[in-house]
Amino acid sequence: MTDANEPGSPQPEQQRQPEQPTPARPAPGAGAGGDPGKPGGALTDRDGGGRQLLGSFVHNLWAANTVTVTVLAIVLATLIGAVLIIVSDPDVLATWGYFTAQPSDALNASWTVVSDAYANLFKGAVVDPAAVQAWANGSGGWQPVFAPISETLTYTAPLVFTGLAVSLAFRGGLFNIGAQGQATLGVILAALAGFLLPLPPVIHLIVAVLAGALGGAIWGFVPGFLKARTGAHEVITTIMLNYVSFSFLAWIIVQNGVHDPDRTDAISRPVDGSAQLPRLLGGDLRVHLGIVLAVAATWAVGWLLNRSTFGFELRAVGANPDAARTAGISVGRTYVLVMVIAGALSGLGGANMVLGTTATALTPLVVAQIGFDGILVALLGRVKPWGVALAALLFGALQAGGNRMQSYASISLELVTVLQALIVIFIAAPALVKAIFGLRAARAARLSSTSMAKGW
């Protein structure tokens, strides 16, 4: 016999084991048992990647990014507005006096008044379902269907211009509080060109629009020049120029040749029809060419900021004027140019007010509050061109819907102003929104396909 320890003798661990059959890899689409086409099969790499992408999107959705904070700020403002609607209605408020005895009365009454108010807000800003139904069955025309969005766009156009004026100056490191005064000078020169210059229709309109831009540019040049040459703070100078423009408007209305001779109140002659912005839909719908100009201005400002040499210099000065000066950029020249362009944009907003369908003559209140509302629009739009356009659309919708809400639901129009202010407050305090809804902190870097933290 051979010794087990003798070299060359087979060891137990060296004995050949029977080979195990290699399991076959299931084909794509195979089921759990490996049969192709059987439901419940294993996930492919593509399925796993899709689920991972979806999971990442859902996980990042509830984060403190720009879009989420903006939407939740609007939701918060709407909820607070609902509370104000309930408190301002004495009949509904009375039902809460016996809430513990019969809570259904208070809840039903509150829901009725709030839903009625917000329903009319939607009908006045977007579309009225009753008008759509009447058009569909032939009992009504098409104009009532598009009337709400027409009103929204009419209010939106001037806000886009003043919002762009504020945001452009802000990107250059300047806080342009003077959009109201620049719009006032724009409306004055546009109206004067509209009824003093006897020009052919198309040329008359172009000259009147350019006159409005020129008026705003002149009023923007002054604080820009003072900032560049003397270091005067633009907030102080623009605020003071606002008062000057108001007084100038009140003075020029009553001057001979400007004041309407057939009127005793403070109103100017009407703008000639050849200088008025044409309506886009005709009939009684007020939306006019100004909204097209507003979209074009938004694109132009976006191109100026992101694609032009001056836009790069503007952003460099806004980020760090000392570093920009060291790099050879003329900071003073940039300040002047940015205020001139911002003033021209505000002037175009003012021209929309008198050359469009809002008014056809100069009055002390012809500009309304588009300059000050432009500051809110710029902040809500994160001082980015297309964000400003969307914010102006939201404010225009609130204004248009607020008119119907006041007429049909007997809700004060001032509530719309409260809603606007609340939205801006929550936008300006993202930490508050984050704390209320328990949002996660947005990551600095994300996949481009799921990123929602890059603003508009």
Protein backbone atom coordinates (compact mmCIF):
# COMPACT_ATOMS: atom_id res chain seq x y z
CA MET A 1 0.00 0.00 0.00
CA THR A 2 1.09 3.49 -0.59
CA ASP A 3 1.54 5.80 2.33
CA ALA A 4 -1.01 8.59 2.43
CA ASN A 5 1.80 11.07 3.18
CA GLU A 6 4.02 9.83 0.43
CA PRO A 7 4.73 12.36 -2.32
CA GLY A 8 2.60 11.86 -5.37
CA SER A 9 -0.25 10.26 -3.46
CA PRO A 10 -3.67 11.89 -4.00
CA GLN A 11 -4.70 14.21 -1.15
CA PRO A 12 -8.39 14.55 -0.15
CA GLU A 13 -8.58 18.23 -1.01
CA GLN A 14 -6.91 17.59 -4.33
CA GLN A 15 -9.45 15.05 -5.44
CA ARG A 16 -11.42 16.19 -8.48
CA GLN A 17 -14.91 17.37 -7.67
CA PRO A 18 -17.77 16.86 -10.09
CA GLU A 19 -18.29 19.98 -12.26
CA GLN A 20 -21.41 21.98 -11.56
CA PRO A 21 -23.43 23.12 -14.58
CA THR A 22 -23.17 26.88 -15.22
CA PRO A 23 -26.62 28.53 -14.97
CA ALA A 24 -27.75 30.09 -18.20
CA ARG A 25 -28.09 33.90 -18.22
CA PRO A 26 -31.72 34.91 -18.76
CA ALA A 27 -32.37 36.70 -21.98
CA PRO A 28 -33.53 40.33 -21.91
CA GLY A 29 -37.13 40.47 -20.87
CA ALA A 30 -37.01 37.02 -19.27
CA GLY A 31 -39.07 36.36 -16.19
CA ALA A 32 -37.94 35.43 -12.70
CA GLY A 33 -37.39 31.83 -13.82
CA GLY A 34 -35.42 32.89 -16.86
CA ASP A 35 -38.20 32.38 -19.38
CA PRO A 36 -38.31 35.12 -21.98
CA GLY A 37 -41.43 37.24 -22.02
CA LYS A 38 -42.59 36.09 -18.60
CA PRO A 39 -43.92 38.97 -16.48
CA GLY A 40 -42.16 39.90 -13.29
CA GLY A 41 -38.72 39.36 -14.81
CA ALA A 42 -35.47 40.84 -13.65
CA LEU A 43 -34.77 44.53 -14.36
CA THR A 44 -32.38 45.37 -17.14
CA ASP A 45 -29.71 48.01 -16.79
CA ARG A 46 -31.93 50.48 -18.61
CA ASP A 47 -34.84 49.85 -16.23
CA GLY A 48 -32.57 50.24 -13.24
CA GLY A 49 -31.19 53.51 -14.60
CA GLY A 50 -34.69 54.82 -15.24
CA ARG A 51 -35.80 54.01 -11.72
CA GLN A 52 -32.66 55.54 -10.28
CA LEU A 53 -33.24 58.71 -12.30
CA LEU A 54 -36.88 58.88 -11.19
CA GLY A 55 -35.92 58.29 -7.59
CA SER A 56 -33.29 61.02 -7.78
CA PHE A 57 -35.85 63.43 -9.26
CA VAL A 58 -38.42 62.69 -6.54
CA HIS A 59 -35.75 62.96 -3.84
CA ASN A 60 -34.53 66.30 -5.12
CA LEU A 61 -37.99 67.70 -5.78
CA TRP A 62 -38.64 68.43 -2.11
CA ALA A 63 -35.50 70.52 -1.77
CA ALA A 64 -35.02 74.24 -1.23
CA ASN A 65 -34.39 75.03 -4.89
CA THR A 66 -35.66 78.03 -6.79
CA VAL A 67 -38.73 76.47 -8.40
CA THR A 68 -39.93 74.64 -5.30
CA VAL A 69 -39.53 77.69 -3.06
CA THR A 70 -41.38 79.89 -5.59
CA VAL A 71 -44.31 77.49 -5.93
CA LEU A 72 -44.60 76.99 -2.18
CA ALA A 73 -44.40 80.75 -1.62
CA ILE A 74 -47.41 81.18 -3.92
CA VAL A 75 -49.23 78.40 -2.04
CA LEU A 76 -48.53 80.07 1.31
CA ALA A 77 -49.69 83.45 0.03
CA THR A 78 -52.87 81.84 -1.30
CA LEU A 79 -53.60 80.19 2.05
CA ILE A 80 -53.06 83.42 3.96
CA GLY A 81 -55.24 85.21 1.41
CA ALA A 82 -57.98 82.66 2.09
CA VAL A 83 -57.81 83.46 5.79
CA LEU A 84 -58.07 87.18 5.02
CA ILE A 85 -61.10 86.56 2.81
CA ILE A 86 -62.82 84.69 5.63
CA VAL A 87 -61.97 87.32 8.24
CA SER A 88 -63.16 90.17 6.00
CA ASP A 89 -66.61 88.64 5.49
CA PRO A 90 -68.82 89.37 8.54
CA ASP A 91 -71.39 86.71 7.68
CA VAL A 92 -68.78 83.98 7.46
CA LEU A 93 -67.02 85.28 10.52
CA ALA A 94 -70.28 85.03 12.49
CA THR A 95 -70.51 81.30 11.79
CA TRP A 96 -67.21 80.78 13.58
CA GLY A 97 -68.77 82.16 16.76
CA TYR A 98 -70.62 78.87 17.29
CA PHE A 99 -68.02 76.62 15.67
CA THR A 100 -67.95 74.15 18.55
CA ALA A 101 -71.74 73.70 18.40
CA GLN A 102 -72.05 73.30 14.62
CA PRO A 103 -68.68 73.29 12.85
CA SER A 104 -70.15 72.41 9.46
CA ASP A 105 -71.70 75.88 9.09
CA ALA A 106 -68.35 77.65 9.50
CA LEU A 107 -66.47 75.24 7.27
CA ASN A 108 -69.08 75.29 4.50
CA ALA A 109 -69.44 79.07 4.58
CA SER A 110 -65.67 79.55 4.54
CA TRP A 111 -65.20 77.15 1.66
CA THR A 112 -67.98 78.83 -0.31
CA VAL A 113 -66.61 82.35 -0.02
CA VAL A 114 -62.97 81.35 -0.62
CA SER A 115 -63.70 79.07 -3.56
CA ASP A 116 -65.98 81.68 -5.12
CA ALA A 117 -63.28 84.35 -4.78
CA TYR A 118 -60.48 82.26 -6.26
CA ALA A 119 -62.75 80.85 -8.97
CA ASN A 120 -63.53 84.37 -10.13
CA LEU A 121 -59.84 85.21 -9.91
CA PHE A 122 -59.14 82.33 -12.31
CA LYS A 123 -62.03 83.20 -14.61
CA GLY A 124 -60.88 86.79 -14.87
CA ALA A 125 -57.24 85.92 -15.50
CA VAL A 126 -57.18 82.73 -17.58
CA VAL A 127 -60.52 81.51 -18.96
CA ASP A 128 -64.18 81.29 -18.03
CA PRO A 129 -65.50 77.74 -18.56
CA ALA A 130 -69.02 79.12 -19.10
CA ALA A 131 -67.76 81.23 -22.02
CA VAL A 132 -66.04 78.19 -23.53
CA GLN A 133 -69.23 76.15 -23.25
CA ALA A 134 -71.30 78.94 -24.79
CA TRP A 135 -68.85 79.17 -27.71
CA ALA A 136 -68.91 75.42 -28.18
CA ASN A 137 -72.71 75.16 -28.37
CA GLY A 138 -73.05 78.24 -30.56
CA SER A 139 -74.80 80.50 -28.06
CA GLY A 140 -71.77 82.75 -27.57
CA GLY A 141 -68.88 84.20 -29.52
CA TRP A 142 -65.15 83.58 -29.31
CA GLN A 143 -64.22 86.93 -27.82
CA PRO A 144 -65.47 86.18 -24.27
CA VAL A 145 -63.28 83.05 -24.30
CA PHE A 146 -60.10 85.02 -24.91
CA ALA A 147 -61.09 88.13 -22.94
CA PRO A 148 -59.48 86.99 -19.62
CA ILE A 149 -56.09 86.14 -21.12
CA SER A 150 -56.29 89.34 -23.15
CA GLU A 151 -56.62 91.36 -19.95
CA THR A 152 -53.79 89.43 -18.33
CA LEU A 153 -51.42 90.13 -21.22
CA THR A 154 -52.46 93.78 -21.28
CA TYR A 155 -51.41 94.21 -17.65
CA THR A 156 -48.32 92.05 -18.17
CA ALA A 157 -46.64 94.04 -20.97
CA PRO A 158 -45.59 97.19 -19.04
CA LEU A 159 -44.53 95.13 -16.01
CA VAL A 160 -42.11 93.14 -18.18
CA PHE A 161 -40.34 96.34 -19.23
CA THR A 162 -40.03 97.83 -15.74
CA GLY A 163 -39.09 94.45 -14.25
CA LEU A 164 -36.32 94.08 -16.82
CA ALA A 165 -35.13 97.60 -16.04
CA VAL A 166 -34.76 96.80 -12.35
CA SER A 167 -33.19 93.37 -12.92
CA LEU A 168 -30.67 94.60 -15.49
CA ALA A 169 -29.44 97.34 -13.18
CA PHE A 170 -29.28 94.87 -10.31
CA ARG A 171 -27.10 92.51 -12.33
CA GLY A 172 -24.74 95.46 -12.76
CA GLY A 173 -24.58 96.09 -9.02
CA LEU A 174 -27.11 98.97 -8.98
CA PHE A 175 -30.49 99.11 -7.27
CA ASN A 176 -32.73 101.01 -9.66
CA ILE A 177 -35.56 102.44 -7.55
CA GLY A 178 -36.28 105.01 -10.26
CA ALA A 179 -38.17 102.79 -12.70
CA GLN A 180 -41.33 104.69 -11.79
CA GLY A 181 -39.79 108.05 -12.67
CA GLN A 182 -38.21 106.69 -15.85
CA ALA A 183 -41.57 105.27 -16.93
CA THR A 184 -43.17 108.65 -16.19
CA LEU A 185 -40.73 110.46 -18.50
CA GLY A 186 -41.31 107.77 -21.08
CA VAL A 187 -45.07 108.21 -21.00
CA ILE A 188 -44.73 112.00 -21.26
CA LEU A 189 -42.52 111.98 -24.36
CA ALA A 190 -44.49 109.14 -25.97
CA ALA A 191 -47.76 111.03 -25.51
CA LEU A 192 -46.31 114.33 -26.75
CA ALA A 193 -45.01 112.60 -29.85
CA GLY A 194 -48.36 110.88 -30.19
CA PHE A 195 -50.50 114.01 -30.49
CA LEU A 196 -48.09 116.79 -31.46
CA LEU A 197 -46.27 115.26 -34.44
CA PRO A 198 -48.29 114.90 -37.68
CA LEU A 199 -46.74 111.75 -39.13
CA PRO A 200 -47.93 108.81 -41.24
CA PRO A 201 -49.38 105.85 -39.29
CA VAL A 202 -46.48 103.38 -39.14
CA ILE A 203 -43.77 106.04 -38.80
CA HIS A 204 -45.83 107.83 -36.16
CA LEU A 205 -46.04 104.71 -34.02
CA ILE A 206 -42.31 104.01 -34.32
CA VAL A 207 -41.42 107.61 -33.42
CA ALA A 208 -43.77 107.60 -30.42
CA VAL A 209 -42.34 104.32 -29.10
CA LEU A 210 -38.77 105.55 -29.55
CA ALA A 211 -39.67 108.83 -27.85
CA GLY A 212 -40.85 106.87 -24.83
CA ALA A 213 -37.59 104.91 -24.73
CA LEU A 214 -35.62 108.16 -25.10
CA GLY A 215 -37.44 109.77 -22.18
CA GLY A 216 -36.65 106.85 -19.91
CA ALA A 217 -33.05 106.72 -21.11
CA ILE A 218 -32.53 110.40 -20.27
CA TRP A 219 -33.96 109.88 -16.80
CA GLY A 220 -31.74 106.84 -16.31
CA PHE A 221 -28.63 108.64 -17.53
CA VAL A 222 -28.76 111.17 -14.70
CA PRO A 223 -28.31 108.76 -11.74
CA GLY A 224 -25.86 106.66 -13.77
CA PHE A 225 -23.70 109.69 -14.52
CA LEU A 226 -23.85 110.89 -10.91
CA LYS A 227 -22.88 107.41 -9.71
CA ALA A 228 -19.93 107.22 -12.10
CA ARG A 229 -18.57 110.73 -11.56
CA THR A 230 -19.42 111.60 -7.97
CA GLY A 231 -20.22 108.25 -6.34
CA ALA A 232 -23.74 109.42 -5.47
CA HIS A 233 -25.81 106.46 -4.37
CA GLU A 234 -28.32 105.45 -7.04
CA VAL A 235 -31.06 104.69 -4.52
CA ILE A 236 -31.11 108.28 -3.27
CA THR A 237 -30.86 109.90 -6.69
CA THR A 238 -33.49 107.71 -8.32
CA ILE A 239 -35.95 108.22 -5.48
CA MET A 240 -35.54 111.98 -5.74
CA LEU A 241 -35.92 111.86 -9.52
CA ASN A 242 -39.19 109.99 -9.05
CA TYR A 243 -40.64 113.01 -7.25
CA VAL A 244 -39.30 115.35 -9.92
CA SER A 245 -40.95 113.33 -12.67
CA PHE A 246 -44.30 113.27 -10.85
CA SER A 247 -44.26 117.04 -10.51
CA PHE A 248 -43.19 117.48 -14.13
CA LEU A 249 -46.09 115.31 -15.30
CA ALA A 250 -48.61 117.30 -13.24
CA TRP A 251 -47.18 120.57 -14.62
CA ILE A 252 -47.01 119.67 -18.29
CA ILE A 253 -50.58 118.34 -18.46
CA VAL A 254 -52.08 121.78 -17.83
CA GLN A 255 -49.88 123.65 -20.32
CA ASN A 256 -51.32 125.22 -23.45
CA GLY A 257 -51.07 122.90 -26.40
CA VAL A 258 -50.98 119.86 -24.15
CA HIS A 259 -54.13 120.22 -22.05
CA ASP A 260 -57.36 119.10 -23.67
CA PRO A 261 -59.26 122.35 -24.37
CA ASP A 262 -62.61 120.58 -24.06
CA ARG A 263 -61.92 119.38 -20.52
CA THR A 264 -61.62 121.21 -17.20
CA ASP A 265 -59.82 118.47 -15.31
CA ALA A 266 -56.13 117.61 -15.56
CA ILE A 267 -55.97 115.61 -18.78
CA SER A 268 -54.05 116.06 -22.01
CA ARG A 269 -55.14 115.80 -25.59
CA PRO A 270 -55.68 112.21 -26.75
CA VAL A 271 -53.01 110.36 -28.66
CA ASP A 272 -53.68 110.12 -32.37
CA GLY A 273 -54.86 106.76 -33.64
CA SER A 274 -51.84 106.55 -35.94
CA ALA A 275 -49.53 106.43 -32.89
CA GLN A 276 -51.41 103.79 -30.93
CA LEU A 277 -50.21 100.21 -30.68
CA PRO A 278 -52.45 97.98 -32.81
CA ARG A 279 -54.60 95.38 -31.13
CA LEU A 280 -53.65 91.79 -31.82
CA LEU A 281 -57.08 90.15 -31.67
CA GLY A 282 -59.33 93.04 -32.64
CA GLY A 283 -62.82 93.74 -31.40
CA ASP A 284 -63.15 94.56 -27.72
CA LEU A 285 -60.07 92.57 -26.71
CA ARG A 286 -57.44 94.95 -25.38
CA VAL A 287 -54.22 92.96 -25.85
CA HIS A 288 -51.95 94.89 -28.21
CA LEU A 289 -48.55 94.81 -29.86
CA GLY A 290 -46.88 95.78 -26.58
CA ILE A 291 -46.82 92.16 -25.39
CA VAL A 292 -44.86 91.18 -28.51
CA LEU A 293 -42.39 93.99 -27.84
CA ALA A 294 -42.11 92.80 -24.23
CA VAL A 295 -41.19 89.27 -25.33
CA ALA A 296 -38.64 90.69 -27.78
CA ALA A 297 -37.16 92.87 -25.03
CA THR A 298 -36.87 89.85 -22.74
CA TRP A 299 -34.95 87.93 -25.38
CA ALA A 300 -32.75 90.97 -26.09
CA VAL A 301 -31.86 91.45 -22.43
CA GLY A 302 -31.08 87.75 -22.08
CA TRP A 303 -28.79 87.91 -25.11
CA LEU A 304 -27.17 91.10 -23.83
CA LEU A 305 -26.37 89.55 -20.45
CA ASN A 306 -25.18 86.15 -21.60
CA ARG A 307 -23.82 86.55 -25.13
CA SER A 308 -22.39 90.06 -25.47
CA THR A 309 -19.12 91.62 -24.36
CA PHE A 310 -20.95 94.38 -22.55
CA GLY A 311 -23.03 91.80 -20.71
CA PHE A 312 -19.87 90.12 -19.46
CA GLU A 313 -18.49 93.47 -18.31
CA LEU A 314 -21.81 94.30 -16.66
CA ARG A 315 -21.86 91.05 -14.71
CA ALA A 316 -18.22 91.43 -13.76
CA VAL A 317 -18.84 94.93 -12.40
CA GLY A 318 -21.90 93.71 -10.53
CA ALA A 319 -19.97 90.85 -8.96
CA ASN A 320 -16.85 92.80 -7.96
CA PRO A 321 -16.26 96.34 -9.26
CA ASP A 322 -12.70 96.48 -7.87
CA ALA A 323 -11.68 93.29 -9.63
CA ALA A 324 -13.39 94.46 -12.82
CA ARG A 325 -11.48 97.74 -12.67
CA THR A 326 -8.24 95.86 -12.18
CA ALA A 327 -9.05 93.75 -15.25
CA GLY A 328 -9.33 96.91 -17.34
CA ILE A 329 -13.13 97.32 -17.38
CA SER A 330 -14.37 100.90 -17.12
CA VAL A 331 -16.70 100.71 -14.12
CA GLY A 332 -17.99 104.26 -14.55
CA ARG A 333 -18.84 103.71 -18.21
CA THR A 334 -20.62 100.48 -17.31
CA TYR A 335 -22.70 102.24 -14.66
CA VAL A 336 -23.79 104.91 -17.11
CA LEU A 337 -24.66 102.48 -19.90
CA VAL A 338 -26.58 100.09 -17.71
CA MET A 339 -28.71 102.89 -16.27
CA VAL A 340 -29.36 104.29 -19.74
CA ILE A 341 -30.52 100.89 -21.00
CA ALA A 342 -32.58 100.30 -17.86
CA GLY A 343 -34.16 103.73 -18.23
CA ALA A 344 -35.01 103.03 -21.86
CA LEU A 345 -36.74 99.80 -20.84
CA SER A 346 -38.77 101.62 -18.21
CA GLY A 347 -39.62 104.30 -20.76
CA LEU A 348 -40.98 101.60 -23.07
CA GLY A 349 -43.14 100.39 -20.20
CA GLY A 350 -44.49 103.91 -19.75
CA ALA A 351 -45.11 104.24 -23.49
CA ASN A 352 -47.22 101.07 -23.33
CA MET A 353 -49.50 102.77 -20.84
CA VAL A 354 -50.47 105.64 -23.15
CA LEU A 355 -49.96 104.16 -26.62
CA GLY A 356 -51.73 100.91 -25.79
CA THR A 357 -55.26 100.37 -24.56
CA THR A 358 -54.82 101.29 -20.89
CA ALA A 359 -55.10 105.03 -21.57
CA THR A 360 -54.97 107.38 -24.56
CA ALA A 361 -54.10 110.63 -22.78
CA LEU A 362 -51.88 111.95 -20.02
CA THR A 363 -53.36 112.09 -16.52
CA PRO A 364 -51.64 112.38 -13.14
CA LEU A 365 -52.17 108.64 -12.60
CA VAL A 366 -51.51 107.39 -16.13
CA VAL A 367 -48.41 105.41 -15.11
CA ALA A 368 -50.16 103.77 -12.14
CA GLN A 369 -47.56 101.82 -10.11
CA ILE A 370 -45.77 99.92 -12.87
CA GLY A 371 -42.34 101.17 -11.77
CA PHE A 372 -42.73 100.09 -8.16
CA ASP A 373 -44.43 96.84 -9.21
CA GLY A 374 -41.44 96.27 -11.50
CA ILE A 375 -39.25 96.00 -8.40
CA LEU A 376 -41.46 93.20 -7.07
CA VAL A 377 -41.50 91.51 -10.47
CA ALA A 378 -37.69 91.63 -10.67
CA LEU A 379 -37.31 90.13 -7.20
CA LEU A 380 -39.87 87.41 -7.89
CA GLY A 381 -38.17 86.61 -11.19
CA ARG A 382 -34.76 86.26 -9.47
CA VAL A 383 -33.48 89.15 -11.66
CA LYS A 384 -33.27 86.81 -14.65
CA PRO A 385 -34.92 87.90 -17.92
CA TRP A 386 -37.30 85.02 -18.50
CA GLY A 387 -37.98 84.74 -14.79
CA VAL A 388 -39.00 88.40 -14.85
CA ALA A 389 -41.34 87.73 -17.79
CA LEU A 390 -43.03 84.86 -15.92
CA ALA A 391 -43.30 86.93 -12.75
CA ALA A 392 -44.87 89.79 -14.74
CA LEU A 393 -47.34 87.30 -16.21
CA LEU A 394 -48.29 86.18 -12.69
CA PHE A 395 -48.77 89.76 -11.51
CA GLY A 396 -50.75 90.59 -14.65
CA ALA A 397 -53.00 87.60 -13.99
CA LEU A 398 -53.56 88.69 -10.40
CA GLN A 399 -54.46 92.19 -11.54
CA ALA A 400 -56.83 91.03 -14.27
CA GLY A 401 -58.43 88.38 -12.08
CA GLY A 402 -58.67 90.78 -9.16
CA ASN A 403 -60.94 93.06 -11.17
CA ARG A 404 -63.43 90.24 -11.71
CA MET A 405 -63.04 89.04 -8.12
CA GLN A 406 -63.99 92.49 -6.90
CA SER A 407 -67.00 92.74 -9.22
CA TYR A 408 -68.43 89.23 -8.87
CA ALA A 409 -67.31 88.11 -5.42
CA SER A 410 -67.29 91.50 -3.65
CA ILE A 411 -63.68 91.00 -2.59
CA SER A 412 -61.58 94.12 -2.19
CA LEU A 413 -59.03 94.69 -4.95
CA GLU A 414 -56.48 95.53 -2.25
CA LEU A 415 -56.41 91.83 -1.40
CA VAL A 416 -54.60 91.24 -4.71
CA THR A 417 -51.92 93.69 -3.58
CA VAL A 418 -51.65 91.77 -0.31
CA LEU A 419 -51.20 88.51 -2.23
CA GLN A 420 -48.45 90.07 -4.34
CA ALA A 421 -46.67 91.38 -1.26
CA LEU A 422 -46.93 88.03 0.53
CA ILE A 423 -45.51 86.16 -2.46
CA VAL A 424 -42.51 88.49 -2.60
CA ILE A 425 -42.01 88.26 1.18
CA PHE A 426 -41.86 84.46 1.07
CA ILE A 427 -39.63 84.54 -2.00
CA ALA A 428 -37.26 86.91 -0.22
CA ALA A 429 -37.20 84.63 2.86
CA PRO A 430 -36.52 81.12 1.51
CA ALA A 431 -35.36 79.98 4.94
CA LEU A 432 -38.89 80.60 6.23
CA VAL A 433 -40.45 78.53 3.44
CA LYS A 434 -37.86 75.82 4.02
CA ALA A 435 -38.67 75.70 7.74
CA ILE A 436 -42.45 75.62 7.24
CA PHE A 437 -42.42 72.77 4.70
CA GLY A 438 -39.32 70.96 5.98
CA LEU A 439 -37.41 71.26 2.72
CA ARG A 440 -33.96 69.75 2.36
CA ALA A 441 -31.03 71.91 1.41
CA ALA A 442 -30.50 72.02 -2.33
CA ARG A 443 -27.22 70.47 -3.46
CA ALA A 444 -24.79 72.73 -5.25
CA ALA A 445 -24.12 70.26 -8.05
CA ARG A 446 -26.69 68.01 -9.70
CA LEU A 447 -27.16 66.07 -12.85
CA SER A 448 -28.33 68.39 -15.59
CA SER A 449 -31.29 66.14 -16.31
CA THR A 450 -32.69 66.42 -12.81
CA SER A 451 -31.40 69.82 -11.72
CA MET A 452 -34.05 72.27 -10.61
CA ALA A 453 -31.79 74.60 -8.66
CA LYS A 454 -30.58 76.71 -11.56
CA GLY A 455 -33.41 79.22 -11.45
CA TRP A 456 -35.53 80.02 -14.47
